[in-house]
PDB file of all heavy atoms in Angstrom:
ATOM      1  N   GLU A   1     -25.030 -37.752  30.655  1.00  0.00           N
ATOM      2  CA  GLU A   1     -26.357 -38.314  30.398  1.00  0.00           C
ATOM      3  C   GLU A   1     -26.518 -38.603  28.918  1.00  0.00           C
ATOM      4  O   GLU A   1     -26.088 -37.818  28.064  1.00  0.00           O
ATOM      5  CB  GLU A   1     -27.456 -37.354  30.857  1.00  0.00           C
ATOM      6  CG  GLU A   1     -28.859 -37.936  30.742  1.00  0.00           C
ATOM      7  CD  GLU A   1     -29.929 -37.019  31.281  1.00  0.00           C
ATOM      8  OE1 GLU A   1     -29.590 -35.930  31.791  1.00  0.00           O
ATOM      9  OE2 GLU A   1     -31.129 -37.379  31.186  1.00  0.00           O
ATOM     10  N   LEU A   2     -27.119 -39.746  28.618  1.00  0.00           N
ATOM     11  CA  LEU A   2     -27.421 -40.137  27.241  1.00  0.00           C
ATOM     12  C   LEU A   2     -28.914 -40.376  27.123  1.00  0.00           C
ATOM     13  O   LEU A   2     -29.499 -41.100  27.937  1.00  0.00           O
ATOM     14  CB  LEU A   2     -26.649 -41.389  26.846  1.00  0.00           C
ATOM     15  CG  LEU A   2     -26.887 -41.909  25.409  1.00  0.00           C
ATOM     16  CD1 LEU A   2     -25.615 -42.509  24.844  1.00  0.00           C
ATOM     17  CD2 LEU A   2     -28.013 -42.964  25.368  1.00  0.00           C
ATOM     18  N   ARG A   3     -29.544 -39.777  26.127  1.00  0.00           N
ATOM     19  CA  ARG A   3     -30.968 -39.970  25.867  1.00  0.00           C
ATOM     20  C   ARG A   3     -31.140 -40.497  24.444  1.00  0.00           C
ATOM     21  O   ARG A   3     -30.557 -39.953  23.498  1.00  0.00           O
ATOM     22  CB  ARG A   3     -31.729 -38.651  26.035  1.00  0.00           C
ATOM     23  CG  ARG A   3     -31.748 -38.119  27.454  1.00  0.00           C
ATOM     24  CD  ARG A   3     -32.425 -36.758  27.549  1.00  0.00           C
ATOM     25  NE  ARG A   3     -31.660 -35.715  26.869  1.00  0.00           N
ATOM     26  CZ  ARG A   3     -30.625 -35.065  27.429  1.00  0.00           C
ATOM     27  NH1 ARG A   3     -30.222 -35.377  28.667  1.00  0.00           N
ATOM     28  NH2 ARG A   3     -29.994 -34.116  26.773  1.00  0.00           N
ATOM     29  N   VAL A   4     -31.934 -41.548  24.306  1.00  0.00           N
ATOM     30  CA  VAL A   4     -32.211 -42.110  22.983  1.00  0.00           C
ATOM     31  C   VAL A   4     -33.381 -41.356  22.367  1.00  0.00           C
ATOM     32  O   VAL A   4     -34.468 -41.283  22.951  1.00  0.00           O
ATOM     33  CB  VAL A   4     -32.534 -43.613  23.071  1.00  0.00           C
ATOM     34  CG1 VAL A   4     -32.889 -44.154  21.689  1.00  0.00           C
ATOM     35  CG2 VAL A   4     -31.354 -44.378  23.657  1.00  0.00           C
ATOM     36  N   ILE A   5     -33.149 -40.772  21.202  1.00  0.00           N
ATOM     37  CA  ILE A   5     -34.202 -40.053  20.475  1.00  0.00           C
ATOM     38  C   ILE A   5     -35.015 -41.049  19.639  1.00  0.00           C
ATOM     39  O   ILE A   5     -36.239 -41.073  19.701  1.00  0.00           O
ATOM     40  CB  ILE A   5     -33.606 -38.956  19.580  1.00  0.00           C
ATOM     41  CG1 ILE A   5     -32.858 -37.927  20.435  1.00  0.00           C
ATOM     42  CG2 ILE A   5     -34.692 -38.283  18.742  1.00  0.00           C
ATOM     43  CD1 ILE A   5     -32.071 -36.910  19.631  1.00  0.00           C
ATOM     44  N   THR A   6     -34.319 -41.848  18.846  1.00  0.00           N
ATOM     45  CA  THR A   6     -34.954 -42.902  18.051  1.00  0.00           C
ATOM     46  C   THR A   6     -34.047 -44.126  18.103  1.00  0.00           C
ATOM     47  O   THR A   6     -32.891 -44.062  17.679  1.00  0.00           O
ATOM     48  CB  THR A   6     -35.157 -42.477  16.575  1.00  0.00           C
ATOM     49  OG1 THR A   6     -35.840 -41.234  16.531  1.00  0.00           O
ATOM     50  CG2 THR A   6     -35.942 -43.527  15.812  1.00  0.00           C
ATOM     51  N   ARG A   7     -34.587 -45.244  18.611  1.00  0.00           N
ATOM     52  CA  ARG A   7     -33.779 -46.447  18.771  1.00  0.00           C
ATOM     53  C   ARG A   7     -33.776 -47.261  17.482  1.00  0.00           C
ATOM     54  O   ARG A   7     -34.835 -47.532  16.901  1.00  0.00           O
ATOM     55  CB  ARG A   7     -34.327 -47.296  19.910  1.00  0.00           C
ATOM     56  CG  ARG A   7     -33.413 -48.441  20.337  1.00  0.00           C
ATOM     57  CD  ARG A   7     -34.008 -49.170  21.529  1.00  0.00           C
ATOM     58  NE  ARG A   7     -34.160 -48.288  22.683  1.00  0.00           N
ATOM     59  CZ  ARG A   7     -33.183 -48.033  23.551  1.00  0.00           C
ATOM     60  NH1 ARG A   7     -31.972 -48.573  23.368  1.00  0.00           N
ATOM     61  NH2 ARG A   7     -33.400 -47.221  24.575  1.00  0.00           N
ATOM     62  N   ALA A   8     -32.582 -47.615  16.985  1.00  0.00           N
ATOM     63  CA  ALA A   8     -32.477 -48.486  15.821  1.00  0.00           C
ATOM     64  C   ALA A   8     -33.026 -49.863  16.156  1.00  0.00           C
ATOM     65  O   ALA A   8     -32.787 -50.389  17.253  1.00  0.00           O
ATOM     66  CB  ALA A   8     -31.022 -48.591  15.370  1.00  0.00           C
ATOM     67  N   CYS A   9     -33.776 -50.448  15.224  1.00  0.00           N
ATOM     68  CA  CYS A   9     -34.367 -51.774  15.440  1.00  0.00           C
ATOM     69  C   CYS A   9     -33.398 -52.896  15.112  1.00  0.00           C
ATOM     70  O   CYS A   9     -33.568 -54.019  15.576  1.00  0.00           O
ATOM     71  CB  CYS A   9     -35.616 -51.930  14.572  1.00  0.00           C
ATOM     72  SG  CYS A   9     -36.887 -50.699  14.885  1.00  0.00           S
ATOM     73  N   ALA A  10     -32.409 -52.604  14.275  1.00  0.00           N
ATOM     74  CA  ALA A  10     -31.437 -53.628  13.870  1.00  0.00           C
ATOM     75  C   ALA A  10     -30.118 -52.942  13.560  1.00  0.00           C
ATOM     76  O   ALA A  10     -30.081 -51.758  13.223  1.00  0.00           O
ATOM     77  CB  ALA A  10     -31.945 -54.388  12.642  1.00  0.00           C
ATOM     78  N   ALA A  11     -29.037 -53.708  13.688  1.00  0.00           N
ATOM     79  CA  ALA A  11     -27.722 -53.180  13.335  1.00  0.00           C
ATOM     80  C   ALA A  11     -27.667 -52.926  11.835  1.00  0.00           C
ATOM     81  O   ALA A  11     -28.330 -53.621  11.050  1.00  0.00           O
ATOM     82  CB  ALA A  11     -26.636 -54.158  13.749  1.00  0.00           C
ATOM     83  N   PRO A  12     -26.883 -51.939  11.375  1.00  0.00           N
ATOM     84  CA  PRO A  12     -26.787 -51.673   9.935  1.00  0.00           C
ATOM     85  C   PRO A  12     -26.179 -52.864   9.203  1.00  0.00           C
ATOM     86  O   PRO A  12     -25.382 -53.611   9.767  1.00  0.00           O
ATOM     87  CB  PRO A  12     -25.888 -50.437   9.857  1.00  0.00           C
ATOM     88  CG  PRO A  12     -25.139 -50.419  11.140  1.00  0.00           C
ATOM     89  CD  PRO A  12     -26.040 -51.022  12.166  1.00  0.00           C
ATOM     90  N   PRO A  13     -26.546 -53.064   7.936  1.00  0.00           N
ATOM     91  CA  PRO A  13     -26.030 -54.211   7.177  1.00  0.00           C
ATOM     92  C   PRO A  13     -24.541 -54.122   6.877  1.00  0.00           C
ATOM     93  O   PRO A  13     -23.916 -55.123   6.541  1.00  0.00           O
ATOM     94  CB  PRO A  13     -26.851 -54.169   5.883  1.00  0.00           C
ATOM     95  CG  PRO A  13     -27.277 -52.739   5.759  1.00  0.00           C
ATOM     96  CD  PRO A  13     -27.479 -52.248   7.151  1.00  0.00           C
ATOM     97  N   VAL A  14     -23.988 -52.941   6.975  1.00  0.00           N
ATOM     98  CA  VAL A  14     -22.562 -52.717   6.759  1.00  0.00           C
ATOM     99  C   VAL A  14     -22.042 -51.921   7.938  1.00  0.00           C
ATOM    100  O   VAL A  14     -22.687 -50.965   8.376  1.00  0.00           O
ATOM    101  CB  VAL A  14     -22.309 -51.940   5.451  1.00  0.00           C
ATOM    102  CG1 VAL A  14     -20.820 -51.670   5.263  1.00  0.00           C
ATOM    103  CG2 VAL A  14     -22.854 -52.701   4.248  1.00  0.00           C
ATOM    104  N   GLU A  15     -20.890 -52.316   8.483  1.00  0.00           N
ATOM    105  CA  GLU A  15     -20.345 -51.579   9.621  1.00  0.00           C
ATOM    106  C   GLU A  15     -19.903 -50.199   9.152  1.00  0.00           C
ATOM    107  O   GLU A  15     -18.963 -50.062   8.370  1.00  0.00           O
ATOM    108  CB  GLU A  15     -19.176 -52.340  10.238  1.00  0.00           C
ATOM    109  CG  GLU A  15     -18.716 -51.743  11.548  1.00  0.00           C
ATOM    110  CD  GLU A  15     -17.747 -52.629  12.302  1.00  0.00           C
ATOM    111  OE1 GLU A  15     -17.550 -53.788  11.898  1.00  0.00           O
ATOM    112  OE2 GLU A  15     -17.171 -52.135  13.292  1.00  0.00           O
ATOM    113  N   MET A  16     -20.558 -49.175   9.650  1.00  0.00           N
ATOM    114  CA  MET A  16     -20.390 -47.835   9.115  1.00  0.00           C
ATOM    115  C   MET A  16     -18.969 -47.307   9.272  1.00  0.00           C
ATOM    116  O   MET A  16     -18.478 -46.559   8.431  1.00  0.00           O
ATOM    117  CB  MET A  16     -21.371 -46.884   9.802  1.00  0.00           C
ATOM    118  CG  MET A  16     -22.829 -47.290   9.633  1.00  0.00           C
ATOM    119  SD  MET A  16     -23.349 -47.256   7.912  1.00  0.00           S
ATOM    120  CE  MET A  16     -23.395 -45.502   7.626  1.00  0.00           C
ATOM    121  N   ALA A  17     -18.300 -47.680  10.347  1.00  0.00           N
ATOM    122  CA  ALA A  17     -16.957 -47.156  10.602  1.00  0.00           C
ATOM    123  C   ALA A  17     -15.903 -47.785   9.702  1.00  0.00           C
ATOM    124  O   ALA A  17     -14.752 -47.339   9.690  1.00  0.00           O
ATOM    125  CB  ALA A  17     -16.581 -47.374  12.064  1.00  0.00           C
ATOM    126  N   LYS A  18     -16.284 -48.817   8.925  1.00  0.00           N
ATOM    127  CA  LYS A  18     -15.288 -49.519   8.110  1.00  0.00           C
ATOM    128  C   LYS A  18     -15.643 -49.536   6.629  1.00  0.00           C
ATOM    129  O   LYS A  18     -15.156 -50.374   5.876  1.00  0.00           O
ATOM    130  CB  LYS A  18     -15.121 -50.954   8.623  1.00  0.00           C
ATOM    131  CG  LYS A  18     -14.588 -51.031  10.045  1.00  0.00           C
ATOM    132  CD  LYS A  18     -14.375 -52.468  10.481  1.00  0.00           C
ATOM    133  CE  LYS A  18     -13.807 -52.520  11.902  1.00  0.00           C
ATOM    134  NZ  LYS A  18     -13.584 -53.906  12.369  1.00  0.00           N
ATOM    135  N   ILE A  19     -16.506 -48.616   6.222  1.00  0.00           N
ATOM    136  CA  ILE A  19     -16.895 -48.579   4.805  1.00  0.00           C
ATOM    137  C   ILE A  19     -15.703 -48.206   3.945  1.00  0.00           C
ATOM    138  O   ILE A  19     -14.976 -47.257   4.221  1.00  0.00           O
ATOM    139  CB  ILE A  19     -18.054 -47.586   4.595  1.00  0.00           C
ATOM    140  CG1 ILE A  19     -19.355 -48.199   5.111  1.00  0.00           C
ATOM    141  CG2 ILE A  19     -18.191 -47.199   3.133  1.00  0.00           C
ATOM    142  CD1 ILE A  19     -20.548 -47.289   4.991  1.00  0.00           C
ATOM    143  N   ASP A  20     -15.507 -48.939   2.880  1.00  0.00           N
ATOM    144  CA  ASP A  20     -14.410 -48.692   1.949  1.00  0.00           C
ATOM    145  C   ASP A  20     -14.976 -48.721   0.546  1.00  0.00           C
ATOM    146  O   ASP A  20     -15.490 -49.735   0.093  1.00  0.00           O
ATOM    147  CB  ASP A  20     -13.330 -49.764   2.108  1.00  0.00           C
ATOM    148  CG  ASP A  20     -12.108 -49.515   1.231  1.00  0.00           C
ATOM    149  OD1 ASP A  20     -12.167 -48.613   0.376  1.00  0.00           O
ATOM    150  OD2 ASP A  20     -11.110 -50.219   1.405  1.00  0.00           O
ATOM    151  N   HIS A  21     -14.891 -47.602  -0.175  1.00  0.00           N
ATOM    152  CA  HIS A  21     -15.465 -47.518  -1.519  1.00  0.00           C
ATOM    153  C   HIS A  21     -14.702 -48.354  -2.547  1.00  0.00           C
ATOM    154  O   HIS A  21     -15.172 -48.520  -3.658  1.00  0.00           O
ATOM    155  CB  HIS A  21     -15.485 -46.058  -1.975  1.00  0.00           C
ATOM    156  CG  HIS A  21     -16.575 -45.276  -1.339  1.00  0.00           C
ATOM    157  ND1 HIS A  21     -16.951 -44.033  -1.781  1.00  0.00           N
ATOM    158  CD2 HIS A  21     -17.385 -45.547  -0.302  1.00  0.00           C
ATOM    159  CE1 HIS A  21     -17.941 -43.577  -1.045  1.00  0.00           C
ATOM    160  NE2 HIS A  21     -18.207 -44.477  -0.140  1.00  0.00           N
ATOM    161  N   LEU A  22     -13.556 -48.845  -2.177  1.00  0.00           N
ATOM    162  CA  LEU A  22     -12.768 -49.574  -3.167  1.00  0.00           C
ATOM    163  C   LEU A  22     -13.140 -51.044  -3.238  1.00  0.00           C
ATOM    164  O   LEU A  22     -12.671 -51.770  -4.095  1.00  0.00           O
ATOM    165  CB  LEU A  22     -11.275 -49.418  -2.858  1.00  0.00           C
ATOM    166  CG  LEU A  22     -10.767 -47.975  -2.838  1.00  0.00           C
ATOM    167  CD1 LEU A  22      -9.276 -47.946  -2.530  1.00  0.00           C
ATOM    168  CD2 LEU A  22     -11.032 -47.289  -4.166  1.00  0.00           C
ATOM    169  N   THR A  23     -13.957 -51.531  -2.298  1.00  0.00           N
ATOM    170  CA  THR A  23     -14.336 -52.941  -2.285  1.00  0.00           C
ATOM    171  C   THR A  23     -15.831 -53.070  -2.066  1.00  0.00           C
ATOM    172  O   THR A  23     -16.491 -52.193  -1.518  1.00  0.00           O
ATOM    173  CB  THR A  23     -13.596 -53.708  -1.167  1.00  0.00           C
ATOM    174  OG1 THR A  23     -13.922 -53.093   0.088  1.00  0.00           O
ATOM    175  CG2 THR A  23     -12.093 -53.668  -1.375  1.00  0.00           C
ATOM    176  N   ASN A  24     -16.371 -54.229  -2.501  1.00  0.00           N
ATOM    177  CA  ASN A  24     -17.783 -54.543  -2.276  1.00  0.00           C
ATOM    178  C   ASN A  24     -18.723 -53.435  -2.758  1.00  0.00           C
ATOM    179  O   ASN A  24     -19.651 -53.035  -2.055  1.00  0.00           O
ATOM    180  CB  ASN A  24     -18.044 -54.816  -0.793  1.00  0.00           C
ATOM    181  CG  ASN A  24     -17.222 -55.971  -0.270  1.00  0.00           C
ATOM    182  OD1 ASN A  24     -17.094 -56.989  -0.938  1.00  0.00           O
ATOM    183  ND2 ASN A  24     -16.648 -55.808   0.913  1.00  0.00           N
ATOM    184  N   ALA A  25     -18.479 -52.951  -3.962  1.00  0.00           N
ATOM    185  CA  ALA A  25     -19.296 -51.853  -4.480  1.00  0.00           C
ATOM    186  C   ALA A  25     -20.762 -52.229  -4.551  1.00  0.00           C
ATOM    187  O   ALA A  25     -21.647 -51.424  -4.198  1.00  0.00           O
ATOM    188  CB  ALA A  25     -18.788 -51.442  -5.861  1.00  0.00           C
ATOM    189  N   ASP A  26     -21.080 -53.445  -4.990  1.00  0.00           N
ATOM    190  CA  ASP A  26     -22.483 -53.850  -5.119  1.00  0.00           C
ATOM    191  C   ASP A  26     -23.185 -53.868  -3.769  1.00  0.00           C
ATOM    192  O   ASP A  26     -24.347 -53.470  -3.652  1.00  0.00           O
ATOM    193  CB  ASP A  26     -22.579 -55.222  -5.788  1.00  0.00           C
ATOM    194  CG  ASP A  26     -22.250 -55.163  -7.269  1.00  0.00           C
ATOM    195  OD1 ASP A  26     -22.372 -54.069  -7.857  1.00  0.00           O
ATOM    196  OD2 ASP A  26     -21.872 -56.194  -7.846  1.00  0.00           O
ATOM    197  N   THR A  27     -22.474 -54.333  -2.728  1.00  0.00           N
ATOM    198  CA  THR A  27     -23.072 -54.353  -1.387  1.00  0.00           C
ATOM    199  C   THR A  27     -23.331 -52.941  -0.896  1.00  0.00           C
ATOM    200  O   THR A  27     -24.409 -52.625  -0.375  1.00  0.00           O
ATOM    201  CB  THR A  27     -22.150 -55.083  -0.401  1.00  0.00           C
ATOM    202  OG1 THR A  27     -21.973 -56.434  -0.838  1.00  0.00           O
ATOM    203  CG2 THR A  27     -22.729 -55.072   0.996  1.00  0.00           C
ATOM    204  N   LEU A  28     -22.346 -52.061  -1.073  1.00  0.00           N
ATOM    205  CA  LEU A  28     -22.503 -50.679  -0.615  1.00  0.00           C
ATOM    206  C   LEU A  28     -23.651 -49.984  -1.335  1.00  0.00           C
ATOM    207  O   LEU A  28     -24.401 -49.211  -0.733  1.00  0.00           O
ATOM    208  CB  LEU A  28     -21.209 -49.909  -0.832  1.00  0.00           C
ATOM    209  CG  LEU A  28     -20.018 -50.362   0.019  1.00  0.00           C
ATOM    210  CD1 LEU A  28     -18.760 -49.602  -0.395  1.00  0.00           C
ATOM    211  CD2 LEU A  28     -20.289 -50.162   1.499  1.00  0.00           C
ATOM    212  N   LEU A  29     -23.816 -50.271  -2.631  1.00  0.00           N
ATOM    213  CA  LEU A  29     -24.882 -49.630  -3.392  1.00  0.00           C
ATOM    214  C   LEU A  29     -26.240 -50.246  -3.095  1.00  0.00           C
ATOM    215  O   LEU A  29     -27.262 -49.555  -3.086  1.00  0.00           O
ATOM    216  CB  LEU A  29     -24.571 -49.703  -4.885  1.00  0.00           C
ATOM    217  CG  LEU A  29     -23.370 -48.866  -5.346  1.00  0.00           C
ATOM    218  CD1 LEU A  29     -23.015 -49.175  -6.790  1.00  0.00           C
ATOM    219  CD2 LEU A  29     -23.635 -47.381  -5.166  1.00  0.00           C
ATOM    220  N   ALA A  30     -26.274 -51.552  -2.823  1.00  0.00           N
ATOM    221  CA  ALA A  30     -27.540 -52.212  -2.497  1.00  0.00           C
ATOM    222  C   ALA A  30     -28.126 -51.654  -1.203  1.00  0.00           C
ATOM    223  O   ALA A  30     -29.344 -51.571  -1.043  1.00  0.00           O
ATOM    224  CB  ALA A  30     -27.339 -53.714  -2.392  1.00  0.00           C
ATOM    225  N   TYR A  31     -27.250 -51.276  -0.263  1.00  0.00           N
ATOM    226  CA  TYR A  31     -27.695 -50.719   1.020  1.00  0.00           C
ATOM    227  C   TYR A  31     -27.405 -49.221   1.096  1.00  0.00           C
ATOM    228  O   TYR A  31     -27.151 -48.673   2.160  1.00  0.00           O
ATOM    229  CB  TYR A  31     -27.010 -51.442   2.174  1.00  0.00           C
ATOM    230  CG  TYR A  31     -27.366 -52.905   2.268  1.00  0.00           C
ATOM    231  CD1 TYR A  31     -26.462 -53.885   1.888  1.00  0.00           C
ATOM    232  CD2 TYR A  31     -28.622 -53.303   2.721  1.00  0.00           C
ATOM    233  CE1 TYR A  31     -26.792 -55.237   1.968  1.00  0.00           C
ATOM    234  CE2 TYR A  31     -28.964 -54.641   2.805  1.00  0.00           C
ATOM    235  CZ  TYR A  31     -28.041 -55.603   2.423  1.00  0.00           C
ATOM    236  OH  TYR A  31     -28.380 -56.931   2.503  1.00  0.00           O
ATOM    237  N   ARG A  32     -27.513 -48.559  -0.036  1.00  0.00           N
ATOM    238  CA  ARG A  32     -27.136 -47.152  -0.131  1.00  0.00           C
ATOM    239  C   ARG A  32     -27.955 -46.269   0.803  1.00  0.00           C
ATOM    240  O   ARG A  32     -27.476 -45.229   1.271  1.00  0.00           O
ATOM    241  CB  ARG A  32     -27.305 -46.688  -1.575  1.00  0.00           C
ATOM    242  CG  ARG A  32     -26.768 -45.304  -1.886  1.00  0.00           C
ATOM    243  CD  ARG A  32     -25.272 -45.245  -1.788  1.00  0.00           C
ATOM    244  NE  ARG A  32     -24.744 -44.014  -2.366  1.00  0.00           N
ATOM    245  CZ  ARG A  32     -23.536 -43.526  -2.131  1.00  0.00           C
ATOM    246  NH1 ARG A  32     -22.723 -44.182  -1.317  1.00  0.00           N
ATOM    247  NH2 ARG A  32     -23.129 -42.417  -2.698  1.00  0.00           N
ATOM    248  N   HIS A  33     -29.182 -46.664   1.118  1.00  0.00           N
ATOM    249  CA  HIS A  33     -30.023 -45.857   2.009  1.00  0.00           C
ATOM    250  C   HIS A  33     -29.370 -45.702   3.384  1.00  0.00           C
ATOM    251  O   HIS A  33     -29.647 -44.726   4.091  1.00  0.00           O
ATOM    252  CB  HIS A  33     -31.407 -46.487   2.155  1.00  0.00           C
ATOM    253  CG  HIS A  33     -31.399 -47.932   2.554  1.00  0.00           C
ATOM    254  ND1 HIS A  33     -31.074 -48.929   1.675  1.00  0.00           N
ATOM    255  CD2 HIS A  33     -31.673 -48.522   3.741  1.00  0.00           C
ATOM    256  CE1 HIS A  33     -31.150 -50.094   2.304  1.00  0.00           C
ATOM    257  NE2 HIS A  33     -31.504 -49.876   3.562  1.00  0.00           N
ATOM    258  N   VAL A  34     -28.492 -46.645   3.762  1.00  0.00           N
ATOM    259  CA  VAL A  34     -27.781 -46.541   5.027  1.00  0.00           C
ATOM    260  C   VAL A  34     -26.326 -46.140   4.810  1.00  0.00           C
ATOM    261  O   VAL A  34     -25.799 -45.266   5.507  1.00  0.00           O
ATOM    262  CB  VAL A  34     -27.842 -47.878   5.802  1.00  0.00           C
ATOM    263  CG1 VAL A  34     -26.994 -47.806   7.073  1.00  0.00           C
ATOM    264  CG2 VAL A  34     -29.280 -48.206   6.168  1.00  0.00           C
ATOM    265  N   THR A  35     -25.657 -46.755   3.827  1.00  0.00           N
ATOM    266  CA  THR A  35     -24.226 -46.497   3.648  1.00  0.00           C
ATOM    267  C   THR A  35     -23.931 -45.064   3.233  1.00  0.00           C
ATOM    268  O   THR A  35     -22.814 -44.569   3.438  1.00  0.00           O
ATOM    269  CB  THR A  35     -23.616 -47.476   2.620  1.00  0.00           C
ATOM    270  OG1 THR A  35     -24.264 -47.316   1.346  1.00  0.00           O
ATOM    271  CG2 THR A  35     -23.775 -48.911   3.088  1.00  0.00           C
ATOM    272  N   VAL A  36     -24.922 -44.363   2.654  1.00  0.00           N
ATOM    273  CA  VAL A  36     -24.716 -42.966   2.281  1.00  0.00           C
ATOM    274  C   VAL A  36     -24.496 -42.082   3.502  1.00  0.00           C
ATOM    275  O   VAL A  36     -24.032 -40.946   3.393  1.00  0.00           O
ATOM    276  CB  VAL A  36     -25.913 -42.460   1.440  1.00  0.00           C
ATOM    277  CG1 VAL A  36     -27.137 -42.215   2.309  1.00  0.00           C
ATOM    278  CG2 VAL A  36     -25.547 -41.210   0.647  1.00  0.00           C
ATOM    279  N   ARG A  37     -24.787 -42.617   4.707  1.00  0.00           N
ATOM    280  CA  ARG A  37     -24.580 -41.854   5.940  1.00  0.00           C
ATOM    281  C   ARG A  37     -23.114 -41.786   6.364  1.00  0.00           C
ATOM    282  O   ARG A  37     -22.776 -41.029   7.274  1.00  0.00           O
ATOM    283  CB  ARG A  37     -25.363 -42.496   7.082  1.00  0.00           C
ATOM    284  CG  ARG A  37     -26.857 -42.519   6.905  1.00  0.00           C
ATOM    285  CD  ARG A  37     -27.498 -43.179   8.126  1.00  0.00           C
ATOM    286  NE  ARG A  37     -28.953 -43.194   8.047  1.00  0.00           N
ATOM    287  CZ  ARG A  37     -29.736 -43.597   9.051  1.00  0.00           C
ATOM    288  NH1 ARG A  37     -29.194 -43.996  10.190  1.00  0.00           N
ATOM    289  NH2 ARG A  37     -31.052 -43.581   8.911  1.00  0.00           N
ATOM    290  N   SER A  38     -22.255 -42.578   5.766  1.00  0.00           N
ATOM    291  CA  SER A  38     -20.867 -42.652   6.226  1.00  0.00           C
ATOM    292  C   SER A  38     -20.176 -41.291   6.100  1.00  0.00           C
ATOM    293  O   SER A  38     -20.518 -40.492   5.222  1.00  0.00           O
ATOM    294  CB  SER A  38     -20.090 -43.686   5.411  1.00  0.00           C
ATOM    295  OG  SER A  38     -19.829 -43.195   4.107  1.00  0.00           O
ATOM    296  N   PRO A  39     -19.193 -41.008   6.968  1.00  0.00           N
ATOM    297  CA  PRO A  39     -18.468 -39.734   6.863  1.00  0.00           C
ATOM    298  C   PRO A  39     -17.848 -39.515   5.487  1.00  0.00           C
ATOM    299  O   PRO A  39     -17.797 -38.392   4.994  1.00  0.00           O
ATOM    300  CB  PRO A  39     -17.399 -39.857   7.951  1.00  0.00           C
ATOM    301  CG  PRO A  39     -18.001 -40.766   8.960  1.00  0.00           C
ATOM    302  CD  PRO A  39     -18.788 -41.770   8.162  1.00  0.00           C
TER     303      PRO A  39
END
């Protein structure tokens, strides 16, 4: 069983599973409120 606690309204601006700190630093920092969630 899967239950949604809070449904996201939009996909994240950066694909979280493919974040790479070595590239696109400005993009990662501009969306830091979301990208900081990465493992």
